[in-house]
Amino acid sequence: MRKGEEKMLYCLGGLMQLGNDIFDVYKDHQGGVSTLITTTTNMEDLRFYFSALLQTGTEAAYRSGYAKRHVKRFLGILSIGIFSRCFVCLDQMARNQKRTNGVFELNAYSRKELVCDMDTIGNKLRSLRYHIKISK
């Protein structure tokens, strides 16, 4: 591996796992699986952590020694396919939290409120907006 590549892979891999947990919140809650999202009471904290890990992974990618254009393309693929979608889902969870007096309470939400449907036109457009913002 190139110098810095391990940190990049660690950060971005962790981010992908966190993204998976964000989308699986309903299933994990039903199955009694503890993850950051099933144990948090504040979506703002989780969003901050997600954003910080994305920033760290992005910086590590640019320091990995690969050509800048290749890194930009690689990060763009991850952004459109994973990261931008996670922000859409985090927004949905934050709206849930607002409805429960500012505390994220899994037991208070229905399956529909916890499953983020990325096949709706609205969520696709939100994801595209996040992708553009992330890719700058």
N, C-alpha and C. Protein backbone atom coordinates (compact mmCIF):
# COMPACT_ATOMS: atom_id res chain seq x y z
N MET A 1 0.82 -1.18 0.00
CA MET A 1 0.00 0.00 0.00
C MET A 1 0.87 1.25 0.00
N ARG A 2 0.35 2.28 -0.59
CA ARG A 2 1.05 3.56 -0.57
C ARG A 2 0.90 4.19 0.81
N LYS A 3 1.83 5.09 1.11
CA LYS A 3 1.77 5.80 2.38
C LYS A 3 0.45 6.56 2.45
N GLY A 4 -0.27 6.43 3.53
CA GLY A 4 -1.54 7.12 3.71
C GLY A 4 -2.74 6.36 3.20
N GLU A 5 -2.49 5.35 2.38
CA GLU A 5 -3.61 4.60 1.80
C GLU A 5 -4.37 3.82 2.87
N GLU A 6 -3.64 3.28 3.85
CA GLU A 6 -4.29 2.51 4.91
C GLU A 6 -5.26 3.39 5.70
N LYS A 7 -4.85 4.60 6.03
CA LYS A 7 -5.73 5.51 6.78
C LYS A 7 -6.96 5.83 5.95
N MET A 8 -6.77 6.09 4.66
CA MET A 8 -7.88 6.39 3.77
C MET A 8 -8.88 5.23 3.76
N LEU A 9 -8.37 4.02 3.57
CA LEU A 9 -9.25 2.85 3.51
C LEU A 9 -9.95 2.61 4.83
N TYR A 10 -9.24 2.83 5.93
CA TYR A 10 -9.84 2.66 7.25
C TYR A 10 -10.99 3.66 7.45
N CYS A 11 -10.73 4.91 7.15
CA CYS A 11 -11.76 5.95 7.33
C CYS A 11 -12.95 5.73 6.40
N LEU A 12 -12.67 5.54 5.12
CA LEU A 12 -13.77 5.39 4.17
C LEU A 12 -14.51 4.07 4.37
N GLY A 13 -13.80 3.02 4.76
CA GLY A 13 -14.46 1.75 5.06
C GLY A 13 -15.36 1.88 6.28
N GLY A 14 -14.87 2.58 7.30
CA GLY A 14 -15.70 2.82 8.49
C GLY A 14 -16.92 3.64 8.15
N LEU A 15 -16.74 4.60 7.26
CA LEU A 15 -17.85 5.45 6.82
C LEU A 15 -18.89 4.63 6.07
N MET A 16 -18.42 3.71 5.23
CA MET A 16 -19.36 2.84 4.51
C MET A 16 -20.14 1.95 5.48
N GLN A 17 -19.47 1.44 6.51
CA GLN A 17 -20.16 0.62 7.50
C GLN A 17 -21.18 1.46 8.27
N LEU A 18 -20.79 2.67 8.65
CA LEU A 18 -21.73 3.56 9.33
C LEU A 18 -22.92 3.86 8.43
N GLY A 19 -22.66 4.09 7.15
CA GLY A 19 -23.75 4.31 6.20
C GLY A 19 -24.68 3.12 6.12
N ASN A 20 -24.12 1.93 6.12
CA ASN A 20 -24.94 0.72 6.13
C ASN A 20 -25.80 0.66 7.39
N ASP A 21 -25.21 1.00 8.51
CA ASP A 21 -25.96 1.01 9.78
C ASP A 21 -27.08 2.05 9.75
N ILE A 22 -26.82 3.20 9.14
CA ILE A 22 -27.84 4.25 9.05
C ILE A 22 -29.04 3.74 8.26
N PHE A 23 -28.78 3.06 7.16
CA PHE A 23 -29.89 2.55 6.35
C PHE A 23 -30.55 1.32 6.96
N ASP A 24 -29.86 0.61 7.82
CA ASP A 24 -30.41 -0.60 8.45
C ASP A 24 -30.96 -0.34 9.84
N VAL A 25 -31.21 0.91 10.19
CA VAL A 25 -31.61 1.23 11.56
C VAL A 25 -32.86 0.45 11.99
N TYR A 26 -33.85 0.34 11.13
CA TYR A 26 -35.07 -0.37 11.50
C TYR A 26 -34.78 -1.85 11.74
N LYS A 27 -34.09 -2.46 10.78
CA LYS A 27 -33.76 -3.89 10.89
C LYS A 27 -32.90 -4.17 12.13
N ASP A 28 -31.89 -3.34 12.35
CA ASP A 28 -31.01 -3.55 13.50
C ASP A 28 -31.76 -3.34 14.82
N HIS A 29 -32.64 -2.35 14.85
CA HIS A 29 -33.43 -2.12 16.06
C HIS A 29 -34.33 -3.32 16.35
N GLN A 30 -34.98 -3.82 15.32
CA GLN A 30 -35.86 -4.98 15.49
C GLN A 30 -35.07 -6.22 15.92
N GLY A 31 -33.85 -6.33 15.44
CA GLY A 31 -33.01 -7.49 15.77
C GLY A 31 -32.20 -7.32 17.04
N GLY A 32 -32.33 -6.18 17.70
CA GLY A 32 -31.60 -5.95 18.94
C GLY A 32 -30.11 -5.71 18.73
N VAL A 33 -29.73 -5.28 17.53
CA VAL A 33 -28.32 -5.02 17.21
C VAL A 33 -27.97 -3.59 17.62
N SER A 34 -26.91 -3.45 18.39
CA SER A 34 -26.47 -2.12 18.82
C SER A 34 -25.47 -1.54 17.82
N THR A 35 -25.80 -0.38 17.29
CA THR A 35 -24.91 0.36 16.41
C THR A 35 -24.95 1.81 16.87
N LEU A 36 -24.13 2.65 16.27
CA LEU A 36 -24.16 4.07 16.65
C LEU A 36 -25.55 4.66 16.47
N ILE A 37 -26.22 4.32 15.39
CA ILE A 37 -27.54 4.92 15.15
C ILE A 37 -28.63 4.32 16.03
N THR A 38 -28.51 3.07 16.41
CA THR A 38 -29.54 2.49 17.28
C THR A 38 -29.36 2.90 18.73
N THR A 39 -28.20 3.46 19.06
CA THR A 39 -27.95 3.85 20.46
C THR A 39 -27.91 5.37 20.67
N THR A 40 -27.88 6.13 19.59
CA THR A 40 -27.81 7.58 19.76
C THR A 40 -29.16 8.17 20.14
N THR A 41 -29.12 9.30 20.79
CA THR A 41 -30.34 10.05 21.07
C THR A 41 -30.31 11.41 20.38
N ASN A 42 -29.23 11.64 19.60
CA ASN A 42 -29.07 12.94 18.96
C ASN A 42 -28.49 12.77 17.56
N MET A 43 -29.31 13.00 16.56
CA MET A 43 -28.87 12.87 15.18
C MET A 43 -27.81 13.91 14.81
N GLU A 44 -27.83 15.05 15.44
CA GLU A 44 -26.83 16.07 15.15
C GLU A 44 -25.43 15.56 15.48
N ASP A 45 -25.30 14.86 16.60
CA ASP A 45 -24.00 14.28 16.97
C ASP A 45 -23.56 13.24 15.96
N LEU A 46 -24.48 12.40 15.53
CA LEU A 46 -24.15 11.36 14.54
C LEU A 46 -23.78 11.99 13.21
N ARG A 47 -24.51 13.01 12.80
CA ARG A 47 -24.21 13.72 11.56
C ARG A 47 -22.82 14.37 11.63
N PHE A 48 -22.49 14.97 12.76
CA PHE A 48 -21.18 15.58 12.95
C PHE A 48 -20.08 14.52 12.81
N TYR A 49 -20.27 13.37 13.44
CA TYR A 49 -19.29 12.29 13.38
C TYR A 49 -19.15 11.79 11.94
N PHE A 50 -20.27 11.59 11.25
CA PHE A 50 -20.26 11.14 9.87
C PHE A 50 -19.50 12.14 8.99
N SER A 51 -19.81 13.42 9.15
CA SER A 51 -19.15 14.47 8.36
C SER A 51 -17.66 14.54 8.65
N ALA A 52 -17.29 14.42 9.92
CA ALA A 52 -15.87 14.47 10.29
C ALA A 52 -15.12 13.28 9.71
N LEU A 53 -15.71 12.10 9.76
CA LEU A 53 -15.07 10.92 9.19
C LEU A 53 -14.96 11.04 7.67
N LEU A 54 -15.96 11.62 7.04
CA LEU A 54 -15.90 11.86 5.60
C LEU A 54 -14.76 12.83 5.27
N GLN A 55 -14.63 13.88 6.04
CA GLN A 55 -13.56 14.85 5.83
C GLN A 55 -12.19 14.21 6.01
N THR A 56 -12.03 13.42 7.07
CA THR A 56 -10.76 12.74 7.33
C THR A 56 -10.42 11.76 6.21
N GLY A 57 -11.41 11.00 5.76
CA GLY A 57 -11.20 10.05 4.67
C GLY A 57 -10.86 10.74 3.37
N THR A 58 -11.52 11.86 3.10
CA THR A 58 -11.25 12.62 1.89
C THR A 58 -9.84 13.19 1.91
N GLU A 59 -9.45 13.76 3.04
CA GLU A 59 -8.08 14.30 3.16
C GLU A 59 -7.05 13.19 3.00
N ALA A 60 -7.31 12.04 3.60
CA ALA A 60 -6.39 10.91 3.49
C ALA A 60 -6.30 10.43 2.04
N ALA A 61 -7.42 10.46 1.32
CA ALA A 61 -7.42 10.05 -0.08
C ALA A 61 -6.51 10.95 -0.91
N TYR A 62 -6.60 12.24 -0.67
CA TYR A 62 -5.76 13.17 -1.44
C TYR A 62 -4.29 13.10 -1.04
N ARG A 63 -4.01 12.58 0.15
CA ARG A 63 -2.62 12.42 0.59
C ARG A 63 -2.09 11.01 0.27
N SER A 64 -2.87 10.20 -0.39
CA SER A 64 -2.48 8.81 -0.63
C SER A 64 -1.41 8.64 -1.71
N GLY A 65 -1.16 9.67 -2.46
CA GLY A 65 -0.14 9.58 -3.50
C GLY A 65 -0.69 9.29 -4.88
N TYR A 66 -1.98 9.05 -4.98
CA TYR A 66 -2.59 8.83 -6.29
C TYR A 66 -2.82 10.18 -6.98
N ALA A 67 -2.93 10.15 -8.27
CA ALA A 67 -3.18 11.36 -9.04
C ALA A 67 -4.49 12.00 -8.57
N LYS A 68 -4.48 13.31 -8.45
CA LYS A 68 -5.64 14.05 -7.93
C LYS A 68 -6.91 13.73 -8.72
N ARG A 69 -6.78 13.62 -10.04
CA ARG A 69 -7.96 13.35 -10.86
C ARG A 69 -8.54 11.96 -10.58
N HIS A 70 -7.68 11.00 -10.26
CA HIS A 70 -8.15 9.65 -9.93
C HIS A 70 -8.82 9.64 -8.55
N VAL A 71 -8.24 10.37 -7.62
CA VAL A 71 -8.84 10.47 -6.28
C VAL A 71 -10.20 11.14 -6.38
N LYS A 72 -10.28 12.23 -7.13
CA LYS A 72 -11.55 12.95 -7.28
C LYS A 72 -12.62 12.03 -7.88
N ARG A 73 -12.24 11.26 -8.89
CA ARG A 73 -13.20 10.34 -9.51
C ARG A 73 -13.63 9.24 -8.52
N PHE A 74 -12.67 8.67 -7.81
CA PHE A 74 -12.95 7.64 -6.81
C PHE A 74 -13.91 8.17 -5.74
N LEU A 75 -13.61 9.35 -5.21
CA LEU A 75 -14.47 9.94 -4.18
C LEU A 75 -15.84 10.30 -4.75
N GLY A 76 -15.88 10.71 -6.01
CA GLY A 76 -17.16 11.01 -6.65
C GLY A 76 -18.05 9.79 -6.75
N ILE A 77 -17.46 8.67 -7.07
CA ILE A 77 -18.23 7.42 -7.15
C ILE A 77 -18.78 7.05 -5.78
N LEU A 78 -17.94 7.17 -4.75
CA LEU A 78 -18.40 6.87 -3.39
C LEU A 78 -19.47 7.86 -2.94
N SER A 79 -19.30 9.11 -3.33
CA SER A 79 -20.26 10.14 -2.94
C SER A 79 -21.65 9.87 -3.52
N ILE A 80 -21.72 9.67 -4.82
CA ILE A 80 -23.02 9.49 -5.47
C ILE A 80 -23.67 8.17 -5.07
N GLY A 81 -22.85 7.16 -4.86
CA GLY A 81 -23.40 5.83 -4.55
C GLY A 81 -23.68 5.60 -3.08
N ILE A 82 -22.98 6.30 -2.19
CA ILE A 82 -23.11 6.00 -0.77
C ILE A 82 -23.31 7.25 0.09
N PHE A 83 -22.30 8.12 0.11
CA PHE A 83 -22.25 9.17 1.12
C PHE A 83 -23.39 10.18 1.00
N SER A 84 -23.70 10.63 -0.20
CA SER A 84 -24.78 11.62 -0.36
C SER A 84 -26.11 11.02 0.07
N ARG A 85 -26.30 9.75 -0.17
CA ARG A 85 -27.53 9.07 0.23
C ARG A 85 -27.64 9.00 1.75
N CYS A 86 -26.52 8.83 2.41
CA CYS A 86 -26.53 8.77 3.88
C CYS A 86 -27.00 10.09 4.49
N PHE A 87 -26.59 11.21 3.88
CA PHE A 87 -27.04 12.51 4.38
C PHE A 87 -28.55 12.66 4.24
N VAL A 88 -29.12 12.13 3.17
CA VAL A 88 -30.57 12.16 2.98
C VAL A 88 -31.24 11.38 4.10
N CYS A 89 -30.71 10.23 4.40
CA CYS A 89 -31.27 9.39 5.47
C CYS A 89 -31.09 10.07 6.84
N LEU A 90 -29.94 10.67 7.07
CA LEU A 90 -29.72 11.39 8.33
C LEU A 90 -30.71 12.54 8.48
N ASP A 91 -31.03 13.21 7.37
CA ASP A 91 -32.05 14.27 7.41
C ASP A 91 -33.39 13.71 7.85
N GLN A 92 -33.75 12.54 7.32
CA GLN A 92 -35.02 11.91 7.69
C GLN A 92 -35.03 11.57 9.18
N MET A 93 -33.93 11.04 9.68
CA MET A 93 -33.87 10.69 11.10
C MET A 93 -33.92 11.95 11.97
N ALA A 94 -33.33 13.05 11.48
CA ALA A 94 -33.37 14.32 12.22
C ALA A 94 -34.81 14.85 12.29
N ARG A 95 -35.56 14.67 11.21
CA ARG A 95 -36.98 15.08 11.23
C ARG A 95 -37.75 14.23 12.24
N ASN A 96 -37.43 12.95 12.31
CA ASN A 96 -38.06 12.10 13.33
C ASN A 96 -37.76 12.65 14.72
N GLN A 97 -36.50 12.97 14.95
CA GLN A 97 -36.07 13.46 16.25
C GLN A 97 -36.83 14.74 16.64
N LYS A 98 -37.05 15.61 15.68
CA LYS A 98 -37.79 16.86 15.97
C LYS A 98 -39.20 16.56 16.46
N ARG A 99 -39.80 15.50 15.94
CA ARG A 99 -41.17 15.15 16.33
C ARG A 99 -41.25 14.54 17.73
N THR A 100 -40.10 14.14 18.28
CA THR A 100 -40.10 13.54 19.62
C THR A 100 -39.30 14.43 20.58
N ASN A 101 -39.66 15.71 20.58
CA ASN A 101 -39.10 16.69 21.51
C ASN A 101 -37.58 16.78 21.49
N GLY A 102 -37.00 16.61 20.32
CA GLY A 102 -35.56 16.80 20.17
C GLY A 102 -34.71 15.63 20.63
N VAL A 103 -35.34 14.50 20.89
CA VAL A 103 -34.61 13.30 21.30
C VAL A 103 -34.92 12.19 20.31
N PHE A 104 -33.88 11.56 19.78
CA PHE A 104 -34.08 10.45 18.85
C PHE A 104 -34.46 9.22 19.66
N GLU A 105 -35.70 8.77 19.48
CA GLU A 105 -36.24 7.62 20.23
C GLU A 105 -36.76 6.58 19.25
N LEU A 106 -35.98 5.55 19.02
CA LEU A 106 -36.35 4.53 18.04
C LEU A 106 -37.74 3.93 18.28
N ASN A 107 -38.07 3.71 19.52
CA ASN A 107 -39.36 3.08 19.82
C ASN A 107 -40.55 3.94 19.44
N ALA A 108 -40.33 5.23 19.23
CA ALA A 108 -41.43 6.15 18.92
C ALA A 108 -41.75 6.22 17.42
N TYR A 109 -40.94 5.58 16.58
CA TYR A 109 -41.10 5.72 15.14
C TYR A 109 -41.58 4.43 14.50
N SER A 110 -42.35 4.60 13.45
CA SER A 110 -42.85 3.46 12.68
C SER A 110 -41.77 2.97 11.72
N ARG A 111 -42.02 1.82 11.13
CA ARG A 111 -41.11 1.29 10.12
C ARG A 111 -40.93 2.29 8.98
N LYS A 112 -42.03 2.88 8.52
CA LYS A 112 -41.97 3.84 7.42
C LYS A 112 -41.11 5.04 7.79
N GLU A 113 -41.14 5.47 9.04
CA GLU A 113 -40.35 6.62 9.47
C GLU A 113 -38.86 6.29 9.58
N LEU A 114 -38.54 5.01 9.74
CA LEU A 114 -37.15 4.60 9.90
C LEU A 114 -36.50 4.06 8.64
N VAL A 115 -37.29 3.71 7.65
CA VAL A 115 -36.74 3.19 6.40
C VAL A 115 -36.67 4.34 5.40
N CYS A 116 -35.48 4.63 4.94
CA CYS A 116 -35.26 5.73 4.00
C CYS A 116 -35.37 5.18 2.58
N ASP A 117 -36.42 5.58 1.89
CA ASP A 117 -36.68 5.09 0.54
C ASP A 117 -35.95 5.96 -0.47
N MET A 118 -34.85 5.47 -0.99
CA MET A 118 -34.05 6.22 -1.95
C MET A 118 -34.56 6.11 -3.38
N ASP A 119 -35.70 5.44 -3.56
CA ASP A 119 -36.27 5.34 -4.90
C ASP A 119 -37.28 6.44 -5.20
N THR A 120 -37.54 7.33 -4.24
CA THR A 120 -38.44 8.44 -4.52
C THR A 120 -37.68 9.54 -5.24
N ILE A 121 -38.38 10.29 -6.08
CA ILE A 121 -37.73 11.37 -6.83
C ILE A 121 -37.18 12.43 -5.88
N GLY A 122 -37.91 12.72 -4.82
CA GLY A 122 -37.46 13.72 -3.86
C GLY A 122 -36.14 13.33 -3.22
N ASN A 123 -36.02 12.09 -2.78
CA ASN A 123 -34.77 11.65 -2.16
C ASN A 123 -33.63 11.55 -3.17
N LYS A 124 -33.95 11.19 -4.40
CA LYS A 124 -32.91 11.17 -5.43
C LYS A 124 -32.36 12.58 -5.68
N LEU A 125 -33.25 13.56 -5.73
CA LEU A 125 -32.82 14.94 -5.93
C LEU A 125 -32.02 15.46 -4.72
N ARG A 126 -32.46 15.12 -3.52
CA ARG A 126 -31.71 15.51 -2.32
C ARG A 126 -30.32 14.90 -2.33
N SER A 127 -30.25 13.64 -2.74
CA SER A 127 -28.97 12.96 -2.81
C SER A 127 -28.06 13.63 -3.84
N LEU A 128 -28.61 14.00 -4.98
CA LEU A 128 -27.82 14.68 -6.01
C LEU A 128 -27.29 16.02 -5.48
N ARG A 129 -28.14 16.76 -4.75
CA ARG A 129 -27.69 18.03 -4.17
C ARG A 129 -26.53 17.80 -3.20
N TYR A 130 -26.64 16.77 -2.36
CA TYR A 130 -25.54 16.47 -1.43
C TYR A 130 -24.29 16.06 -2.19
N HIS A 131 -24.46 15.27 -3.25
CA HIS A 131 -23.30 14.84 -4.04
C HIS A 131 -22.56 16.05 -4.61
N ILE A 132 -23.30 17.00 -5.14
CA ILE A 132 -22.69 18.21 -5.70
C ILE A 132 -21.95 18.97 -4.60
N LYS A 133 -22.57 19.07 -3.44
CA LYS A 133 -21.95 19.77 -2.31
C LYS A 133 -20.68 19.05 -1.83
N ILE A 134 -20.75 17.75 -1.72
CA ILE A 134 -19.61 16.94 -1.25
C ILE A 134 -18.46 17.01 -2.25
N SER A 135 -18.79 16.99 -3.52
CA SER A 135 -17.78 16.88 -4.58
C SER A 135 -17.04 18.17 -4.89
N LYS A 136 -17.40 19.24 -4.25
CA LYS A 136 -16.72 20.54 -4.52
C LYS A 136 -15.30 20.53 -4.05
